[in-house]
Amino acid sequence: MKLNFTFLLCIGFIFSFAQSSYENSLQEKNAFTQSNSIQNEGEALLDADYVPEYYRLEMNADPNDEDFSGKTTMHFTTTEELNQIKISAKPNLHIESVMYHSAPITNYSRAGSVLTINLPASLPQNHLDS
């Protein structure tokens, strides 16, 4: 009986934590959607004509090495027609390449913490893309 009670208590804790995390994520997404901008720490707001839906991170890390590598895929919905995307990317983050729909993009630039990616074609408003 004690084992069942402990198990139920643990399951209840996990579900309450997951619900809390989900609610916090929704609040953050709503705040981003309402402001329609990205805050760079210690810098001005970054205008964004898109809303990130989610990010997929694929990391290669070695606990014996301070360097890591990886890949980030951003899924987003456009809020206006756009032909470029601006992303916060700290200067110490080395960006080796930018891909869009499996094709390399060479027309991108970085100014401070802002990575500007020029897309090969304009995306319409309310378009889900990655």
N, C-alpha and C. Protein backbone atom coordinates (compact mmCIF):
# COMPACT_ATOMS: atom_id res chain seq x y z
N MET A 1 0.82 -1.19 0.00
CA MET A 1 0.00 0.00 0.00
C MET A 1 0.87 1.26 0.00
N LYS A 2 1.96 1.24 0.82
CA LYS A 2 2.85 2.39 0.85
C LYS A 2 3.53 2.59 -0.49
N LEU A 3 3.88 1.48 -1.15
CA LEU A 3 4.52 1.57 -2.45
C LEU A 3 3.58 2.21 -3.47
N ASN A 4 2.31 1.84 -3.47
CA ASN A 4 1.33 2.43 -4.38
C ASN A 4 1.16 3.91 -4.11
N PHE A 5 1.10 4.29 -2.82
CA PHE A 5 0.92 5.70 -2.46
C PHE A 5 2.14 6.50 -2.91
N THR A 6 3.34 5.97 -2.69
CA THR A 6 4.57 6.67 -3.10
C THR A 6 4.61 6.81 -4.61
N PHE A 7 4.24 5.76 -5.32
CA PHE A 7 4.22 5.81 -6.78
C PHE A 7 3.24 6.87 -7.27
N LEU A 8 2.03 6.90 -6.70
CA LEU A 8 1.03 7.89 -7.10
C LEU A 8 1.49 9.30 -6.76
N LEU A 9 2.17 9.46 -5.63
CA LEU A 9 2.67 10.77 -5.24
C LEU A 9 3.73 11.24 -6.24
N CYS A 10 4.63 10.35 -6.65
CA CYS A 10 5.66 10.69 -7.63
C CYS A 10 5.03 11.05 -8.98
N ILE A 11 4.08 10.27 -9.41
CA ILE A 11 3.40 10.54 -10.69
C ILE A 11 2.69 11.89 -10.62
N GLY A 12 2.02 12.17 -9.50
CA GLY A 12 1.34 13.45 -9.33
C GLY A 12 2.31 14.62 -9.40
N PHE A 13 3.49 14.46 -8.78
CA PHE A 13 4.51 15.51 -8.81
C PHE A 13 5.00 15.74 -10.24
N ILE A 14 5.25 14.67 -10.97
CA ILE A 14 5.74 14.79 -12.34
C ILE A 14 4.71 15.50 -13.21
N PHE A 15 3.44 15.12 -13.11
CA PHE A 15 2.40 15.77 -13.91
C PHE A 15 2.22 17.23 -13.54
N SER A 16 2.31 17.57 -12.24
CA SER A 16 2.16 18.97 -11.85
C SER A 16 3.33 19.80 -12.36
N PHE A 17 4.55 19.23 -12.35
CA PHE A 17 5.73 19.93 -12.87
C PHE A 17 5.59 20.12 -14.38
N ALA A 18 5.16 19.09 -15.08
CA ALA A 18 5.00 19.18 -16.53
C ALA A 18 3.94 20.22 -16.89
N GLN A 19 2.84 20.26 -16.14
CA GLN A 19 1.79 21.24 -16.40
C GLN A 19 2.32 22.65 -16.17
N SER A 20 3.08 22.83 -15.09
CA SER A 20 3.65 24.13 -14.78
C SER A 20 4.61 24.57 -15.89
N SER A 21 5.47 23.67 -16.36
CA SER A 21 6.40 23.99 -17.43
C SER A 21 5.65 24.33 -18.71
N TYR A 22 4.59 23.57 -19.01
CA TYR A 22 3.80 23.83 -20.20
C TYR A 22 3.14 25.21 -20.12
N GLU A 23 2.59 25.54 -18.95
CA GLU A 23 1.95 26.84 -18.78
C GLU A 23 2.96 27.97 -18.91
N ASN A 24 4.16 27.79 -18.35
CA ASN A 24 5.21 28.81 -18.50
C ASN A 24 5.60 28.97 -19.96
N SER A 25 5.69 27.88 -20.69
CA SER A 25 6.03 27.95 -22.11
C SER A 25 4.96 28.71 -22.88
N LEU A 26 3.70 28.46 -22.57
CA LEU A 26 2.62 29.18 -23.23
C LEU A 26 2.67 30.67 -22.91
N GLN A 27 2.97 31.01 -21.66
CA GLN A 27 3.08 32.42 -21.29
C GLN A 27 4.22 33.10 -22.04
N GLU A 28 5.36 32.41 -22.17
CA GLU A 28 6.49 32.97 -22.91
C GLU A 28 6.14 33.15 -24.38
N LYS A 29 5.48 32.16 -24.96
CA LYS A 29 5.10 32.26 -26.37
C LYS A 29 4.12 33.42 -26.56
N ASN A 30 3.13 33.55 -25.67
CA ASN A 30 2.16 34.64 -25.79
C ASN A 30 2.83 35.99 -25.63
N ALA A 31 3.79 36.10 -24.71
CA ALA A 31 4.50 37.36 -24.52
C ALA A 31 5.29 37.70 -25.78
N PHE A 32 5.93 36.70 -26.38
CA PHE A 32 6.69 36.94 -27.60
C PHE A 32 5.75 37.36 -28.73
N THR A 33 4.62 36.66 -28.85
CA THR A 33 3.67 36.96 -29.92
C THR A 33 3.14 38.39 -29.78
N GLN A 34 2.85 38.80 -28.55
CA GLN A 34 2.31 40.14 -28.33
C GLN A 34 3.34 41.22 -28.61
N SER A 35 4.59 40.97 -28.22
CA SER A 35 5.61 42.00 -28.43
C SER A 35 6.16 41.95 -29.85
N ASN A 36 6.08 40.77 -30.50
CA ASN A 36 6.56 40.58 -31.86
C ASN A 36 8.01 41.04 -32.03
N SER A 37 8.81 40.84 -30.99
CA SER A 37 10.22 41.20 -31.05
C SER A 37 11.01 40.27 -30.14
N ILE A 38 12.30 40.24 -30.37
CA ILE A 38 13.19 39.39 -29.60
C ILE A 38 14.09 40.29 -28.77
N GLN A 39 14.24 39.99 -27.49
CA GLN A 39 15.08 40.78 -26.61
C GLN A 39 16.48 40.21 -26.59
N ASN A 40 17.45 41.00 -26.99
CA ASN A 40 18.85 40.65 -26.83
C ASN A 40 19.29 41.21 -25.50
N GLU A 41 19.92 40.40 -24.68
CA GLU A 41 20.34 40.81 -23.36
C GLU A 41 21.23 42.04 -23.45
N GLY A 42 20.82 43.13 -22.79
CA GLY A 42 21.61 44.35 -22.77
C GLY A 42 21.57 45.13 -24.07
N GLU A 43 20.72 44.75 -25.01
CA GLU A 43 20.64 45.42 -26.30
C GLU A 43 19.20 45.79 -26.61
N ALA A 44 19.03 46.51 -27.70
CA ALA A 44 17.69 46.91 -28.12
C ALA A 44 16.90 45.69 -28.59
N LEU A 45 15.59 45.85 -28.67
CA LEU A 45 14.75 44.76 -29.16
C LEU A 45 15.02 44.50 -30.63
N LEU A 46 14.94 43.25 -31.00
CA LEU A 46 15.13 42.83 -32.38
C LEU A 46 13.75 42.64 -33.01
N ASP A 47 13.44 43.42 -34.05
CA ASP A 47 12.15 43.28 -34.73
C ASP A 47 12.07 41.91 -35.39
N ALA A 48 10.92 41.29 -35.31
CA ALA A 48 10.75 39.97 -35.91
C ALA A 48 9.40 39.91 -36.61
N ASP A 49 9.41 39.48 -37.86
CA ASP A 49 8.18 39.30 -38.62
C ASP A 49 7.77 37.84 -38.62
N TYR A 50 8.12 37.14 -37.55
CA TYR A 50 7.78 35.73 -37.40
C TYR A 50 7.64 35.40 -35.93
N VAL A 51 6.97 34.28 -35.67
CA VAL A 51 6.83 33.77 -34.31
C VAL A 51 7.42 32.36 -34.30
N PRO A 52 8.47 32.12 -33.51
CA PRO A 52 8.99 30.76 -33.44
C PRO A 52 7.95 29.82 -32.84
N GLU A 53 7.72 28.71 -33.48
CA GLU A 53 6.80 27.70 -32.95
C GLU A 53 7.57 26.74 -32.04
N TYR A 54 8.74 26.28 -32.50
CA TYR A 54 9.62 25.48 -31.66
C TYR A 54 10.99 25.38 -32.32
N TYR A 55 11.97 25.00 -31.51
CA TYR A 55 13.34 24.79 -31.98
C TYR A 55 13.70 23.32 -31.76
N ARG A 56 14.41 22.75 -32.71
CA ARG A 56 14.95 21.40 -32.54
C ARG A 56 16.48 21.54 -32.50
N LEU A 57 17.06 21.09 -31.39
CA LEU A 57 18.51 21.16 -31.21
C LEU A 57 19.11 19.77 -31.29
N GLU A 58 20.16 19.64 -32.07
CA GLU A 58 20.92 18.40 -32.15
C GLU A 58 22.34 18.76 -31.74
N MET A 59 22.78 18.28 -30.58
CA MET A 59 24.06 18.68 -30.01
C MET A 59 25.05 17.52 -30.01
N ASN A 60 26.31 17.84 -30.26
CA ASN A 60 27.43 16.91 -30.14
C ASN A 60 28.34 17.50 -29.07
N ALA A 61 28.35 16.89 -27.89
CA ALA A 61 29.14 17.42 -26.78
C ALA A 61 30.01 16.33 -26.18
N ASP A 62 31.20 16.73 -25.81
CA ASP A 62 32.14 15.84 -25.13
C ASP A 62 32.39 16.45 -23.75
N PRO A 63 32.08 15.74 -22.67
CA PRO A 63 32.27 16.32 -21.33
C PRO A 63 33.72 16.66 -21.02
N ASN A 64 34.67 16.10 -21.78
CA ASN A 64 36.08 16.39 -21.56
C ASN A 64 36.58 17.56 -22.39
N ASP A 65 35.71 18.17 -23.17
CA ASP A 65 36.09 19.28 -24.04
C ASP A 65 35.10 20.41 -23.84
N GLU A 66 35.59 21.65 -23.81
CA GLU A 66 34.68 22.78 -23.60
C GLU A 66 33.95 23.19 -24.86
N ASP A 67 34.40 22.74 -26.02
CA ASP A 67 33.73 23.06 -27.27
C ASP A 67 32.63 22.03 -27.57
N PHE A 68 31.67 22.46 -28.36
CA PHE A 68 30.60 21.56 -28.79
C PHE A 68 30.21 21.96 -30.20
N SER A 69 29.47 21.10 -30.84
CA SER A 69 28.93 21.42 -32.16
C SER A 69 27.49 20.97 -32.19
N GLY A 70 26.78 21.40 -33.20
CA GLY A 70 25.39 20.99 -33.28
C GLY A 70 24.66 21.66 -34.42
N LYS A 71 23.38 21.44 -34.41
CA LYS A 71 22.50 21.94 -35.46
C LYS A 71 21.21 22.41 -34.80
N THR A 72 20.70 23.55 -35.23
CA THR A 72 19.44 24.07 -34.72
C THR A 72 18.48 24.24 -35.89
N THR A 73 17.28 23.72 -35.74
CA THR A 73 16.22 23.92 -36.74
C THR A 73 15.11 24.70 -36.07
N MET A 74 14.75 25.84 -36.66
CA MET A 74 13.68 26.66 -36.11
C MET A 74 12.43 26.52 -36.98
N HIS A 75 11.32 26.21 -36.36
CA HIS A 75 10.02 26.19 -37.05
C HIS A 75 9.30 27.46 -36.63
N PHE A 76 8.80 28.21 -37.59
CA PHE A 76 8.22 29.52 -37.30
C PHE A 76 7.02 29.79 -38.19
N THR A 77 6.19 30.72 -37.75
CA THR A 77 5.06 31.20 -38.54
C THR A 77 5.28 32.68 -38.81
N THR A 78 5.18 33.06 -40.06
CA THR A 78 5.38 34.47 -40.41
C THR A 78 4.18 35.30 -39.97
N THR A 79 4.45 36.50 -39.50
CA THR A 79 3.37 37.42 -39.12
C THR A 79 3.15 38.48 -40.20
N GLU A 80 4.13 38.63 -41.06
CA GLU A 80 4.08 39.53 -42.21
C GLU A 80 4.79 38.82 -43.35
N GLU A 81 4.61 39.30 -44.57
CA GLU A 81 5.42 38.77 -45.67
C GLU A 81 6.87 39.14 -45.38
N LEU A 82 7.77 38.20 -45.59
CA LEU A 82 9.18 38.50 -45.30
C LEU A 82 10.11 37.80 -46.26
N ASN A 83 11.29 38.39 -46.44
CA ASN A 83 12.31 37.78 -47.29
C ASN A 83 13.64 37.64 -46.57
N GLN A 84 13.65 37.99 -45.28
CA GLN A 84 14.83 37.77 -44.46
C GLN A 84 14.40 37.50 -43.02
N ILE A 85 15.25 36.77 -42.32
CA ILE A 85 14.99 36.43 -40.93
C ILE A 85 16.15 36.94 -40.10
N LYS A 86 15.83 37.56 -38.98
CA LYS A 86 16.85 38.00 -38.04
C LYS A 86 16.77 37.13 -36.80
N ILE A 87 17.92 36.63 -36.38
CA ILE A 87 18.00 35.72 -35.24
C ILE A 87 19.06 36.24 -34.28
N SER A 88 18.80 36.13 -32.99
CA SER A 88 19.80 36.46 -31.99
C SER A 88 20.87 35.37 -31.99
N ALA A 89 22.12 35.78 -32.15
CA ALA A 89 23.24 34.83 -32.15
C ALA A 89 24.46 35.56 -31.59
N LYS A 90 24.82 35.25 -30.38
CA LYS A 90 25.96 35.91 -29.74
C LYS A 90 27.22 35.77 -30.59
N PRO A 91 28.09 36.77 -30.58
CA PRO A 91 29.30 36.73 -31.41
C PRO A 91 30.23 35.55 -31.13
N ASN A 92 30.22 35.00 -29.92
CA ASN A 92 31.10 33.87 -29.62
C ASN A 92 30.55 32.54 -30.14
N LEU A 93 29.38 32.55 -30.75
CA LEU A 93 28.80 31.35 -31.35
C LEU A 93 29.26 31.27 -32.81
N HIS A 94 30.12 30.31 -33.10
CA HIS A 94 30.64 30.15 -34.47
C HIS A 94 29.57 29.49 -35.34
N ILE A 95 29.20 30.15 -36.43
CA ILE A 95 28.21 29.61 -37.36
C ILE A 95 28.95 29.17 -38.61
N GLU A 96 28.94 27.88 -38.85
CA GLU A 96 29.67 27.31 -39.98
C GLU A 96 28.88 27.42 -41.27
N SER A 97 27.56 27.20 -41.19
CA SER A 97 26.73 27.26 -42.39
C SER A 97 25.28 27.52 -42.02
N VAL A 98 24.52 27.99 -43.01
CA VAL A 98 23.08 28.21 -42.87
C VAL A 98 22.41 27.47 -44.00
N MET A 99 21.41 26.67 -43.65
CA MET A 99 20.68 25.88 -44.65
C MET A 99 19.20 26.28 -44.61
N TYR A 100 18.57 26.25 -45.76
CA TYR A 100 17.12 26.49 -45.86
C TYR A 100 16.56 25.45 -46.81
N HIS A 101 15.69 24.59 -46.30
CA HIS A 101 15.11 23.49 -47.09
C HIS A 101 16.22 22.65 -47.74
N SER A 102 17.23 22.32 -46.95
CA SER A 102 18.37 21.47 -47.35
C SER A 102 19.30 22.12 -48.36
N ALA A 103 19.10 23.39 -48.68
CA ALA A 103 19.99 24.09 -49.62
C ALA A 103 20.81 25.12 -48.83
N PRO A 104 22.10 25.22 -49.15
CA PRO A 104 22.92 26.20 -48.43
C PRO A 104 22.55 27.64 -48.79
N ILE A 105 22.60 28.49 -47.79
CA ILE A 105 22.39 29.93 -48.00
C ILE A 105 23.72 30.61 -47.72
N THR A 106 24.22 31.34 -48.70
CA THR A 106 25.49 32.06 -48.51
C THR A 106 25.25 33.54 -48.26
N ASN A 107 24.02 33.99 -48.47
CA ASN A 107 23.70 35.41 -48.30
C ASN A 107 23.17 35.66 -46.89
N TYR A 108 24.09 35.65 -45.93
CA TYR A 108 23.74 35.99 -44.56
C TYR A 108 24.86 36.83 -43.97
N SER A 109 24.53 37.60 -42.96
CA SER A 109 25.52 38.47 -42.32
C SER A 109 25.26 38.53 -40.83
N ARG A 110 26.26 38.98 -40.11
CA ARG A 110 26.14 39.12 -38.66
C ARG A 110 26.63 40.51 -38.28
N ALA A 111 25.82 41.19 -37.47
CA ALA A 111 26.20 42.48 -36.90
C ALA A 111 25.96 42.39 -35.41
N GLY A 112 27.04 42.29 -34.64
CA GLY A 112 26.90 42.12 -33.19
C GLY A 112 26.24 40.79 -32.89
N SER A 113 25.10 40.85 -32.19
CA SER A 113 24.38 39.63 -31.81
C SER A 113 23.23 39.29 -32.75
N VAL A 114 23.19 39.94 -33.92
CA VAL A 114 22.08 39.71 -34.85
C VAL A 114 22.59 39.02 -36.11
N LEU A 115 22.05 37.84 -36.38
CA LEU A 115 22.33 37.11 -37.61
C LEU A 115 21.16 37.39 -38.56
N THR A 116 21.46 37.96 -39.73
CA THR A 116 20.43 38.25 -40.73
C THR A 116 20.59 37.28 -41.88
N ILE A 117 19.53 36.53 -42.14
CA ILE A 117 19.54 35.51 -43.20
C ILE A 117 18.60 35.98 -44.30
N ASN A 118 19.14 36.17 -45.50
CA ASN A 118 18.33 36.56 -46.65
C ASN A 118 17.82 35.30 -47.33
N LEU A 119 16.52 35.15 -47.38
CA LEU A 119 15.90 33.96 -47.95
C LEU A 119 15.90 34.02 -49.47
N PRO A 120 15.88 32.87 -50.14
CA PRO A 120 15.89 32.86 -51.61
C PRO A 120 14.60 33.39 -52.23
N ALA A 121 13.50 33.37 -51.47
CA ALA A 121 12.22 33.89 -51.97
C ALA A 121 11.42 34.41 -50.78
N SER A 122 10.50 35.32 -51.04
CA SER A 122 9.65 35.86 -49.97
C SER A 122 8.68 34.80 -49.48
N LEU A 123 8.40 34.88 -48.19
CA LEU A 123 7.40 33.98 -47.58
C LEU A 123 6.16 34.80 -47.29
N PRO A 124 4.97 34.25 -47.57
CA PRO A 124 3.73 34.99 -47.33
C PRO A 124 3.40 35.07 -45.83
N GLN A 125 2.53 35.97 -45.49
CA GLN A 125 2.05 36.10 -44.11
C GLN A 125 1.33 34.84 -43.68
N ASN A 126 1.43 34.50 -42.38
CA ASN A 126 0.79 33.32 -41.78
C ASN A 126 1.24 32.01 -42.41
N HIS A 127 2.51 31.95 -42.75
CA HIS A 127 3.08 30.75 -43.38
C HIS A 127 3.94 30.02 -42.37
N LEU A 128 3.70 28.72 -42.18
CA LEU A 128 4.51 27.89 -41.30
C LEU A 128 5.69 27.36 -42.11
N ASP A 129 6.90 27.56 -41.60
CA ASP A 129 8.09 27.16 -42.34
C ASP A 129 9.19 26.76 -41.36
N SER A 130 10.31 26.30 -41.89
CA SER A 130 11.47 25.98 -41.05
C SER A 130 12.75 26.14 -41.85
